[in-house]
Amino acid sequence: MSTDGLPAGDRFDWWGQLMREEVMAVSMASERPARFRGGVESIDGPPTTVSALYLSSSSAARTRTHIRRHDPEDYYLFAIRGGRLGLEQNRNTSWFGAGDLGLYSTSRPLKAEFRGGGRPVRVEMIRLPRTLLPLPFDTVDRLLAERLSTPTGSGALLARYLSGILKHAQECGPTELPRLGSVAADLAVTFLAGWLDVEDAVPPESRQQALLARIDAFIERNLGDADLRPVAIAAHHHISVRTLHELFRERPETVAAAIRRRRLEHCRTDLTDPRLRHRTIGEIALGWGFRHPADFSRAFRTAYGMPPGELRHAALHSLPDARRAALSDEQRCRDS
């Protein structure tokens, strides 16, 4: 949903109503309400919701009166993707920039300043109902409006996971979104518990899901390494190979099968990308961890029903004539 298509004079009021209905009641202000733009992408994956907001420079305030009228009793863990956010809550005040993570609560008064410098502020966030958190609320509240930025580790993993859900949600079936939402919630809980040094309070199931998410991210980052095997994955995460296989037991494929499938998917994407037609099939396969061309060709045919060269040829010839001619010209320029 967005303000696009609405009369300029109605956009700011419409946005305020949307925030009251979808997030929480706040009072909003803008120096240029007639030029305000905003939009939201929201994915409901019970037990949580993952959302992305973009909005013009503006401010918001939630008062005790708002809270008395209605409090959904939610926490929101957010990541800033563009612009800056100034947040004041629970006697903490911080400014957040791109890459920063933070937390706010619907149950305490707050003030927020969105500053985009001429561009929209973009915020990705996950809703965490109080009933979902196995952590003491008075302890969690110490983190409100604090910068929880971590360039690596669970914070970086959580931020990437939220972006991935939002980017690929339309490709997911109705049964997948609840599972993805549950994993996102487990990652968020584990992340907060780490900041509070109360990891023991996190249920074993949540710790397991968070570990699986870290393993998935590690596999994706290292698919091009031909030595990526269960032994290396287990060693990196300080678990036994047996434990690794136990973690994957609930999934429809083994660790090795998951690695092979992801590598083949990347190869298929590259082979059908006309911008990569100058790269040989062998180079693409090697780049995604396939050492032996014969093994790659056999696995590719099994997965997609045709050899890689045939699929590439069909993809190129399905392009419009003008586009294909332009690509041929580009290739000749490279060759010369």
Protein backbone atom coordinates (compact mmCIF):
# COMPACT_ATOMS: atom_id res chain seq x y z
CA MET A 1 0.00 0.00 0.00
CA SER A 2 1.24 3.51 -0.72
CA THR A 3 0.23 7.14 -1.08
CA ASP A 4 0.83 6.96 -4.84
CA GLY A 5 -2.37 7.68 -6.71
CA LEU A 6 -3.92 9.66 -3.86
CA PRO A 7 -4.55 13.41 -4.13
CA ALA A 8 -1.59 15.29 -2.66
CA GLY A 9 -3.78 16.89 -0.01
CA ASP A 10 -4.98 13.51 1.28
CA ARG A 11 -1.68 11.63 1.48
CA PHE A 12 -0.43 12.66 4.89
CA ASP A 13 -3.75 12.08 6.65
CA TRP A 14 -4.10 8.70 4.91
CA TRP A 15 -0.63 7.71 6.11
CA GLY A 16 -1.46 8.63 9.70
CA GLN A 17 -4.59 6.50 9.56
CA LEU A 18 -2.62 3.58 8.10
CA MET A 19 -0.08 3.73 10.94
CA ARG A 20 -2.87 3.78 13.52
CA GLU A 21 -4.46 0.69 11.99
CA GLU A 22 -1.37 -1.34 11.11
CA VAL A 23 1.22 -0.43 13.79
CA MET A 24 0.02 1.81 16.62
CA ALA A 25 -1.72 5.13 17.22
CA VAL A 26 0.61 8.13 16.92
CA SER A 27 0.37 11.84 16.25
CA MET A 28 2.30 12.78 13.10
CA ALA A 29 3.65 16.07 11.80
CA SER A 30 5.39 17.16 8.60
CA GLU A 31 6.80 20.45 7.40
CA ARG A 32 5.54 19.66 3.89
CA PRO A 33 2.46 17.44 4.21
CA ALA A 34 1.36 18.17 0.61
CA ARG A 35 4.62 16.62 -0.64
CA PHE A 36 4.53 13.62 1.68
CA ARG A 37 5.04 10.15 0.21
CA GLY A 38 4.91 6.85 2.02
CA GLY A 39 4.40 3.15 1.43
CA VAL A 40 4.40 -0.16 3.23
CA GLU A 41 5.03 -3.79 2.32
CA SER A 42 3.76 -6.20 4.94
CA ILE A 43 3.97 -9.97 5.25
CA ASP A 44 1.87 -11.71 7.85
CA GLY A 45 3.69 -14.89 8.81
CA PRO A 46 2.21 -15.89 12.16
CA PRO A 47 3.27 -15.58 14.90
CA THR A 48 4.75 -12.32 13.64
CA THR A 49 4.64 -9.70 10.90
CA VAL A 50 7.56 -8.49 8.79
CA SER A 51 7.17 -5.06 7.22
CA ALA A 52 9.08 -2.46 5.22
CA LEU A 53 8.12 1.20 5.43
CA TYR A 54 9.32 4.13 3.37
CA LEU A 55 8.27 7.67 4.13
CA SER A 56 9.21 11.28 3.63
CA SER A 57 10.82 13.34 6.37
CA SER A 58 8.34 13.72 9.23
CA SER A 59 7.90 13.14 12.95
CA ALA A 60 5.70 10.95 15.15
CA ALA A 61 4.83 10.87 18.83
CA ARG A 62 3.02 8.28 20.95
CA THR A 63 1.68 9.58 24.24
CA ARG A 64 0.26 7.99 27.37
CA THR A 65 -3.18 8.97 26.10
CA HIS A 66 -2.61 6.92 22.94
CA ILE A 67 -1.46 3.97 25.05
CA ARG A 68 -4.46 4.13 27.38
CA ARG A 69 -6.83 4.11 24.42
CA HIS A 70 -5.24 1.03 22.87
CA ASP A 71 -1.99 -0.86 23.32
CA PRO A 72 -1.31 -3.91 21.13
CA GLU A 73 1.57 -4.75 23.53
CA ASP A 74 4.12 -5.30 20.80
CA TYR A 75 7.84 -4.76 20.43
CA TYR A 76 9.29 -3.86 17.04
CA LEU A 77 12.86 -4.75 16.15
CA PHE A 78 13.88 -2.62 13.17
CA ALA A 79 16.71 -2.13 10.69
CA ILE A 80 17.35 1.18 8.89
CA ARG A 81 17.95 0.79 5.16
CA GLY A 82 18.03 4.43 4.09
CA GLY A 83 17.90 7.84 5.73
CA ARG A 84 18.06 8.44 9.48
CA LEU A 85 15.74 7.86 12.42
CA GLY A 86 15.92 9.69 15.71
CA LEU A 87 14.15 7.78 18.50
CA GLU A 88 13.43 8.70 22.11
CA GLN A 89 11.89 6.15 24.48
CA ASN A 90 12.32 4.99 28.08
CA ARG A 91 14.80 7.83 28.80
CA ASN A 92 17.04 6.69 25.91
CA THR A 93 17.68 8.82 22.83
CA SER A 94 19.57 7.64 19.73
CA TRP A 95 20.01 8.40 16.05
CA PHE A 96 19.98 5.41 13.70
CA GLY A 97 21.50 5.35 10.23
CA ALA A 98 21.64 2.84 7.41
CA GLY A 99 22.63 -0.58 8.75
CA ASP A 100 21.68 0.17 12.36
CA LEU A 101 19.27 -1.98 14.36
CA GLY A 102 17.02 -0.83 17.19
CA LEU A 103 13.99 -1.69 19.29
CA TYR A 104 10.86 0.17 20.35
CA SER A 105 7.71 -0.72 22.27
CA THR A 106 4.08 0.21 21.79
CA SER A 107 3.62 0.21 25.57
CA ARG A 108 5.76 3.26 26.39
CA PRO A 109 5.61 6.86 25.11
CA LEU A 110 8.01 7.65 22.29
CA LYS A 111 9.10 10.35 19.88
CA ALA A 112 10.50 9.63 16.42
CA GLU A 113 12.10 11.87 13.79
CA PHE A 114 12.44 10.57 10.22
CA ARG A 115 15.05 12.44 8.19
CA GLY A 116 15.75 11.44 4.61
CA GLY A 117 17.66 14.41 3.22
CA GLY A 118 15.33 14.67 0.25
CA ARG A 119 14.88 10.91 -0.08
CA PRO A 120 12.48 8.56 1.70
CA VAL A 121 13.53 6.93 4.95
CA ARG A 122 13.31 3.14 4.65
CA VAL A 123 12.79 0.94 7.70
CA GLU A 124 12.41 -2.85 7.81
CA MET A 125 10.97 -4.30 11.00
CA ILE A 126 9.57 -7.37 12.67
CA ARG A 127 6.68 -7.27 15.13
CA LEU A 128 7.28 -9.23 18.35
CA PRO A 129 4.18 -9.64 20.53
CA ARG A 130 5.02 -9.52 24.24
CA THR A 131 3.48 -12.98 24.60
CA LEU A 132 6.06 -14.27 22.12
CA LEU A 133 9.13 -13.14 24.06
CA PRO A 134 10.44 -15.62 26.65
CA LEU A 135 12.46 -12.75 28.16
CA PRO A 136 11.73 -10.51 31.19
CA PHE A 137 10.04 -7.36 29.91
CA ASP A 138 11.76 -4.98 32.34
CA THR A 139 15.09 -6.32 31.07
CA VAL A 140 14.08 -6.03 27.41
CA ASP A 141 12.93 -2.45 27.99
CA ARG A 142 16.51 -1.45 28.79
CA LEU A 143 17.23 -1.84 25.07
CA LEU A 144 14.51 0.53 23.88
CA ALA A 145 15.86 3.30 21.61
CA GLU A 146 19.41 1.91 21.93
CA ARG A 147 21.57 1.30 18.85
CA LEU A 148 21.93 -2.48 18.63
CA SER A 149 24.18 -2.43 15.59
CA THR A 150 26.38 -5.43 14.89
CA PRO A 151 28.21 -5.64 11.54
CA THR A 152 28.50 -9.42 11.90
CA GLY A 153 26.89 -12.22 13.88
CA SER A 154 23.23 -12.63 14.73
CA GLY A 155 22.32 -8.98 14.06
CA ALA A 156 23.68 -9.03 10.52
CA LEU A 157 22.01 -12.40 9.93
CA LEU A 158 18.67 -11.10 11.19
CA ALA A 159 18.86 -7.99 8.99
CA ARG A 160 19.65 -10.09 5.91
CA TYR A 161 16.87 -12.52 6.74
CA LEU A 162 14.25 -9.77 7.03
CA SER A 163 15.32 -8.32 3.67
CA GLY A 164 15.24 -11.77 2.09
CA ILE A 165 11.69 -12.45 3.27
CA LEU A 166 10.48 -9.11 1.92
CA LYS A 167 12.27 -9.60 -1.39
CA HIS A 168 11.12 -13.15 -2.09
CA ALA A 169 7.72 -13.28 -0.37
CA GLN A 170 5.80 -13.47 -3.65
CA GLU A 171 7.70 -16.63 -4.54
CA CYS A 172 6.62 -18.37 -1.32
CA GLY A 173 3.57 -20.57 -0.96
CA PRO A 174 0.96 -20.06 1.77
CA THR A 175 2.51 -22.78 3.94
CA GLU A 176 6.01 -21.30 3.71
CA LEU A 177 5.33 -17.83 5.10
CA PRO A 178 4.37 -18.99 8.63
CA ARG A 179 7.56 -21.07 8.79
CA LEU A 180 9.68 -18.14 7.58
CA GLY A 181 7.94 -15.84 10.05
CA SER A 182 8.63 -18.27 12.87
CA VAL A 183 12.33 -18.45 11.96
CA ALA A 184 12.50 -14.63 11.85
CA ALA A 185 10.95 -14.45 15.31
CA ASP A 186 13.41 -17.04 16.66
CA LEU A 187 16.32 -15.05 15.20
CA ALA A 188 15.01 -11.84 16.79
CA VAL A 189 14.56 -13.47 20.21
CA THR A 190 18.04 -14.99 20.04
CA PHE A 191 19.53 -11.64 19.01
CA LEU A 192 17.89 -9.79 21.91
CA ALA A 193 18.85 -12.51 24.39
CA GLY A 194 22.46 -12.17 23.29
CA TRP A 195 22.41 -8.42 23.94
CA LEU A 196 20.90 -9.01 27.37
CA ASP A 197 23.22 -11.94 28.15
CA VAL A 198 20.28 -14.22 28.95
CA GLU A 199 20.70 -16.85 26.23
CA ASP A 200 19.62 -19.58 28.66
CA ALA A 201 16.12 -18.05 28.70
CA VAL A 202 15.64 -18.80 25.00
CA PRO A 203 13.73 -22.08 24.38
CA PRO A 204 15.79 -24.87 22.78
CA GLU A 205 13.53 -24.81 19.70
CA SER A 206 14.29 -21.12 19.10
CA ARG A 207 18.03 -21.68 19.53
CA GLN A 208 17.84 -24.55 17.05
CA GLN A 209 16.00 -22.45 14.45
CA ALA A 210 18.49 -19.63 14.89
CA LEU A 211 21.38 -22.08 14.41
CA LEU A 212 19.77 -23.46 11.26
CA ALA A 213 19.37 -19.93 9.89
CA ARG A 214 23.07 -19.25 10.53
CA ILE A 215 23.98 -22.50 8.79
CA ASP A 216 21.78 -21.64 5.79
CA ALA A 217 23.42 -18.21 5.50
CA PHE A 218 26.90 -19.76 5.76
CA ILE A 219 26.10 -22.25 3.01
CA GLU A 220 24.74 -19.51 0.73
CA ARG A 221 27.83 -17.34 1.23
CA ASN A 222 30.22 -20.21 0.47
CA LEU A 223 28.53 -22.06 -2.40
CA GLY A 224 31.42 -21.16 -4.69
CA ASP A 225 33.85 -23.08 -2.49
CA ALA A 226 34.26 -26.56 -3.91
CA ASP A 227 35.32 -27.78 -0.46
CA LEU A 228 31.99 -26.81 1.13
CA ARG A 229 30.96 -30.08 2.76
CA PRO A 230 29.14 -31.14 5.95
CA VAL A 231 32.46 -31.53 7.80
CA ALA A 232 33.48 -27.92 7.07
CA ILE A 233 30.00 -26.59 7.92
CA ALA A 234 29.89 -28.44 11.23
CA ALA A 235 33.40 -27.31 12.18
CA HIS A 236 32.60 -23.66 11.44
CA HIS A 237 29.56 -23.78 13.74
CA HIS A 238 31.31 -25.79 16.48
CA ILE A 239 28.97 -28.76 16.26
CA SER A 240 29.46 -32.37 15.26
CA VAL A 241 28.62 -33.67 11.79
CA ARG A 242 26.04 -35.92 13.43
CA THR A 243 24.36 -32.89 15.03
CA LEU A 244 24.34 -31.12 11.66
CA HIS A 245 22.55 -34.04 10.03
CA GLU A 246 20.10 -34.20 12.95
CA LEU A 247 19.23 -30.52 12.39
CA PHE A 248 18.39 -31.27 8.76
CA ARG A 249 16.33 -34.38 9.57
CA GLU A 250 13.07 -32.38 9.62
CA ARG A 251 13.82 -30.97 6.17
CA PRO A 252 12.99 -32.63 2.84
CA GLU A 253 16.65 -32.86 1.77
CA THR A 254 20.04 -33.67 3.27
CA VAL A 255 22.84 -31.15 3.75
CA ALA A 256 24.64 -32.31 0.61
CA ALA A 257 21.43 -32.26 -1.43
CA ALA A 258 20.67 -28.72 -0.26
CA ILE A 259 24.14 -27.54 -1.32
CA ARG A 260 23.82 -29.21 -4.72
CA ARG A 261 20.34 -27.75 -5.32
CA ARG A 262 21.40 -24.21 -4.44
CA ARG A 263 24.48 -24.46 -6.65
CA LEU A 264 22.39 -25.69 -9.56
CA GLU A 265 19.85 -22.90 -9.06
CA HIS A 266 22.61 -20.29 -9.24
CA CYS A 267 24.10 -21.95 -12.32
CA ARG A 268 20.71 -21.97 -14.01
CA THR A 269 20.24 -18.27 -13.25
CA ASP A 270 23.66 -17.42 -14.67
CA LEU A 271 23.20 -19.57 -17.77
CA THR A 272 19.94 -17.82 -18.65
CA ASP A 273 21.34 -14.34 -17.98
CA PRO A 274 22.21 -12.79 -21.37
CA ARG A 275 24.70 -10.47 -19.68
CA LEU A 276 26.84 -13.52 -18.78
CA ARG A 277 26.81 -15.16 -22.21
CA HIS A 278 30.54 -14.40 -22.60
CA ARG A 279 31.28 -16.85 -19.77
CA THR A 280 31.65 -20.51 -20.68
CA ILE A 281 29.45 -23.16 -19.09
CA GLY A 282 32.52 -24.62 -17.40
CA GLU A 283 33.46 -21.24 -15.89
CA ILE A 284 29.96 -20.77 -14.48
CA ALA A 285 29.90 -24.28 -13.03
CA LEU A 286 33.34 -23.87 -11.46
CA GLY A 287 32.32 -20.51 -10.01
CA TRP A 288 29.52 -22.24 -8.10
CA GLY A 289 31.64 -25.08 -6.72
CA PHE A 290 31.40 -27.80 -9.42
CA ARG A 291 34.94 -29.08 -9.99
CA HIS A 292 34.16 -31.63 -12.73
CA PRO A 293 32.19 -30.63 -15.87
CA ALA A 294 30.81 -34.14 -16.36
CA ASP A 295 29.40 -34.25 -12.82
CA PHE A 296 27.85 -30.82 -13.29
CA SER A 297 26.27 -31.70 -16.63
CA ARG A 298 24.81 -34.92 -15.22
CA ALA A 299 23.38 -33.18 -12.12
CA PHE A 300 21.99 -30.34 -14.22
CA ARG A 301 20.24 -32.70 -16.63
CA THR A 302 18.74 -34.63 -13.73
CA ALA A 303 17.44 -31.45 -12.10
CA TYR A 304 16.12 -29.62 -15.20
CA GLY A 305 15.57 -32.30 -17.82
CA MET A 306 18.07 -30.93 -20.34
CA PRO A 307 21.82 -30.30 -20.54
CA PRO A 308 23.06 -26.84 -19.56
CA GLY A 309 24.04 -25.89 -23.13
CA GLU A 310 20.55 -26.60 -24.43
CA LEU A 311 18.91 -24.53 -21.72
CA ARG A 312 21.27 -21.63 -22.39
CA HIS A 313 20.58 -21.79 -26.14
CA ALA A 314 16.82 -21.81 -25.56
CA ALA A 315 17.02 -18.87 -23.16
CA LEU A 316 19.03 -16.76 -25.59
CA HIS A 317 16.74 -17.47 -28.54
CA SER A 318 13.65 -16.65 -26.51
CA LEU A 319 14.81 -13.02 -26.34
CA PRO A 320 13.28 -10.47 -28.73
CA ASP A 321 15.29 -10.09 -31.94
CA ALA A 322 16.40 -6.54 -31.16
CA ARG A 323 17.66 -7.50 -27.71
CA ARG A 324 19.51 -10.53 -29.08
CA ALA A 325 21.15 -8.41 -31.77
CA ALA A 326 22.27 -5.86 -29.19
CA LEU A 327 23.81 -8.60 -27.08
CA SER A 328 25.64 -9.95 -30.12
CA ASP A 329 27.07 -6.50 -30.77
CA GLU A 330 28.23 -6.29 -27.15
CA GLN A 331 29.92 -9.65 -27.45
CA ARG A 332 31.73 -8.65 -30.66
CA CYS A 333 32.97 -5.47 -28.92
CA ARG A 334 34.37 -7.55 -26.06
CA ASP A 335 36.03 -9.98 -28.44
CA SER A 336 37.68 -7.14 -30.36
